Amino acid sequence: MRLCLAFALAILLSPALPGPATAAAPDCAGEAWVESTLYMGRGKADGGSVTDAEVQAFVDDVIVQAFPDGFTLFEARGHWRDDTSGRSVNETTVAFVVTHPPGAEAGTALRRIADAYIARFEQTAVLGSSHPVCITVYQ
């Protein structure tokens, strides 16, 4: 995803920023955790797309090692404006969602995933977001 949103890049690419607040709602019967999402565009600079096989290999090589306890991936459509050309771009996007305990360890793992995706697929950026959630595991 060739995101050119300066504020998004500043947040994602600044390791000095503290993690999100973890205050859960007062009526939370579960645990205060964090939900983080990485939006990874499938468009390539040469006009091609990251294939399903390439996404699966990336998941197997990088994401599973970082979050072996589980995560969710889904296909989405992304839209952004390229600051260089000024043109609007729509592309298929892989959304990676994981809930995790608060702390720097998950932030470091997310940064490694983003960096690896950028390098492997020659992306300009990966957009990340995190927010506090209340989790409950029903068994």
Protein backbone atom coordinates (compact mmCIF):
# COMPACT_ATOMS: atom_id res chain seq x y z
CA MET A 1 0.00 0.00 0.00
CA ARG A 2 1.59 3.22 -1.01
CA LEU A 3 0.17 5.29 1.81
CA CYS A 4 1.27 8.87 1.81
CA LEU A 5 -0.50 9.96 4.94
CA ALA A 6 2.18 11.75 6.89
CA PHE A 7 0.46 11.37 10.23
CA ALA A 8 -0.06 7.63 9.74
CA LEU A 9 3.56 7.11 8.85
CA ALA A 10 4.70 9.20 11.79
CA ILE A 11 2.65 7.06 14.15
CA LEU A 12 3.63 3.73 12.63
CA LEU A 13 7.27 4.49 12.01
CA SER A 14 8.09 6.18 15.30
CA PRO A 15 9.35 3.59 17.78
CA ALA A 16 9.51 6.21 20.52
CA LEU A 17 5.74 6.62 20.74
CA PRO A 18 4.09 4.95 23.73
CA GLY A 19 1.56 2.22 23.14
CA PRO A 20 -2.16 2.93 23.26
CA ALA A 21 -3.93 3.38 26.56
CA THR A 22 -5.35 0.12 27.85
CA ALA A 23 -8.22 1.38 29.97
CA ALA A 24 -11.10 -0.98 29.39
CA ALA A 25 -14.72 0.02 29.76
CA PRO A 26 -15.82 -0.06 33.42
CA ASP A 27 -18.26 -2.87 32.68
CA CYS A 28 -15.61 -5.05 31.00
CA ALA A 29 -15.96 -8.58 32.33
CA GLY A 30 -12.85 -9.70 30.47
CA GLU A 31 -9.30 -8.39 30.24
CA ALA A 32 -7.94 -5.07 28.98
CA TRP A 33 -5.87 -5.85 25.90
CA VAL A 34 -4.98 -4.08 22.67
CA GLU A 35 -6.25 -4.77 19.16
CA SER A 36 -3.78 -3.92 16.42
CA THR A 37 -4.33 -3.91 12.67
CA LEU A 38 -1.84 -3.68 9.82
CA TYR A 39 -3.16 -2.74 6.38
CA MET A 40 -0.87 -4.18 3.73
CA GLY A 41 -1.60 -3.23 0.14
CA ARG A 42 -1.24 -5.82 -2.60
CA GLY A 43 -0.41 -3.41 -5.42
CA LYS A 44 3.18 -3.51 -6.64
CA ALA A 45 5.19 -0.63 -8.13
CA ASP A 46 5.47 -2.51 -11.46
CA GLY A 47 1.66 -2.63 -11.76
CA GLY A 48 1.34 -6.23 -10.63
CA SER A 49 -0.18 -7.55 -7.44
CA VAL A 50 1.04 -9.58 -4.50
CA THR A 51 -0.40 -13.04 -5.19
CA ASP A 52 -2.31 -15.23 -2.78
CA ALA A 53 0.67 -17.61 -2.69
CA GLU A 54 3.02 -14.73 -1.84
CA VAL A 55 0.69 -13.57 0.95
CA GLN A 56 0.52 -17.11 2.35
CA ALA A 57 4.30 -17.47 2.24
CA PHE A 58 4.63 -14.13 4.08
CA VAL A 59 2.12 -15.28 6.70
CA ASP A 60 4.01 -18.56 7.18
CA ASP A 61 7.48 -16.97 7.21
CA VAL A 62 6.83 -13.82 9.25
CA ILE A 63 3.43 -13.42 10.89
CA VAL A 64 3.02 -16.88 12.42
CA GLN A 65 6.44 -16.56 14.08
CA ALA A 66 5.51 -13.17 15.55
CA PHE A 67 2.02 -14.14 16.80
CA PRO A 68 1.85 -17.95 17.06
CA ASP A 69 -1.20 -17.86 19.37
CA GLY A 70 -3.45 -16.55 16.63
CA PHE A 71 -4.58 -13.65 14.48
CA THR A 72 -7.06 -12.84 11.75
CA LEU A 73 -6.45 -11.95 8.11
CA PHE A 74 -9.06 -10.64 5.75
CA GLU A 75 -9.17 -9.16 2.29
CA ALA A 76 -10.23 -5.53 2.04
CA ARG A 77 -10.25 -2.70 -0.50
CA GLY A 78 -8.01 0.24 0.26
CA HIS A 79 -8.18 3.77 -1.10
CA TRP A 80 -5.52 6.44 -0.80
CA ARG A 81 -4.10 9.43 -2.65
CA ASP A 82 -0.55 9.23 -3.93
CA ASP A 83 1.14 12.46 -2.81
CA THR A 84 3.72 12.22 -5.61
CA SER A 85 1.32 11.91 -8.54
CA GLY A 86 -1.82 13.24 -6.85
CA ARG A 87 -3.83 10.36 -8.27
CA SER A 88 -6.35 8.32 -6.32
CA VAL A 89 -5.49 4.66 -5.95
CA ASN A 90 -7.74 1.75 -5.07
CA GLU A 91 -6.19 -1.60 -4.33
CA THR A 92 -6.81 -4.92 -2.70
CA THR A 93 -5.42 -4.92 0.82
CA VAL A 94 -4.56 -7.63 3.31
CA ALA A 95 -5.77 -6.62 6.77
CA PHE A 96 -3.94 -8.37 9.63
CA VAL A 97 -5.69 -8.11 13.01
CA VAL A 98 -4.32 -9.34 16.32
CA THR A 99 -5.35 -8.87 19.94
CA HIS A 100 -2.50 -8.91 22.40
CA PRO A 101 -1.59 -7.89 25.93
CA PRO A 102 -0.41 -4.29 26.17
CA GLY A 103 3.32 -3.71 26.05
CA ALA A 104 6.31 -3.02 23.90
CA GLU A 105 6.83 -6.63 22.81
CA ALA A 106 3.79 -6.64 20.52
CA GLY A 107 4.68 -3.20 19.15
CA THR A 108 8.12 -4.46 18.22
CA ALA A 109 6.64 -7.53 16.53
CA LEU A 110 4.18 -5.41 14.57
CA ARG A 111 6.99 -3.14 13.40
CA ARG A 112 9.00 -6.18 12.26
CA ILE A 113 6.01 -7.47 10.27
CA ALA A 114 5.47 -4.06 8.62
CA ASP A 115 9.17 -3.69 7.80
CA ALA A 116 9.32 -7.20 6.34
CA TYR A 117 6.23 -6.61 4.17
CA ILE A 118 7.60 -3.30 2.90
CA ALA A 119 10.93 -4.91 2.03
CA ARG A 120 9.58 -8.11 0.50
CA PHE A 121 6.96 -6.47 -1.71
CA GLU A 122 8.68 -3.11 -2.34
CA GLN A 123 5.94 -1.11 -0.65
CA THR A 124 6.17 2.53 0.36
CA ALA A 125 4.42 1.93 3.69
CA VAL A 126 2.13 -0.24 5.78
CA LEU A 127 -0.57 1.47 7.82
CA GLY A 128 -0.94 0.36 11.43
CA SER A 129 -3.49 1.16 14.10
CA SER A 130 -4.01 0.04 17.69
CA HIS A 131 -6.69 0.64 20.28
CA PRO A 132 -7.69 -0.72 23.68
CA VAL A 133 -10.25 -3.51 23.77
CA CYS A 134 -11.95 -5.67 26.32
CA ILE A 135 -11.47 -9.34 25.48
CA THR A 136 -13.36 -12.35 26.70
CA VAL A 137 -12.62 -15.90 25.63
CA TYR A 138 -15.79 -17.99 25.63
CA GLN A 139 -15.20 -21.70 26.16
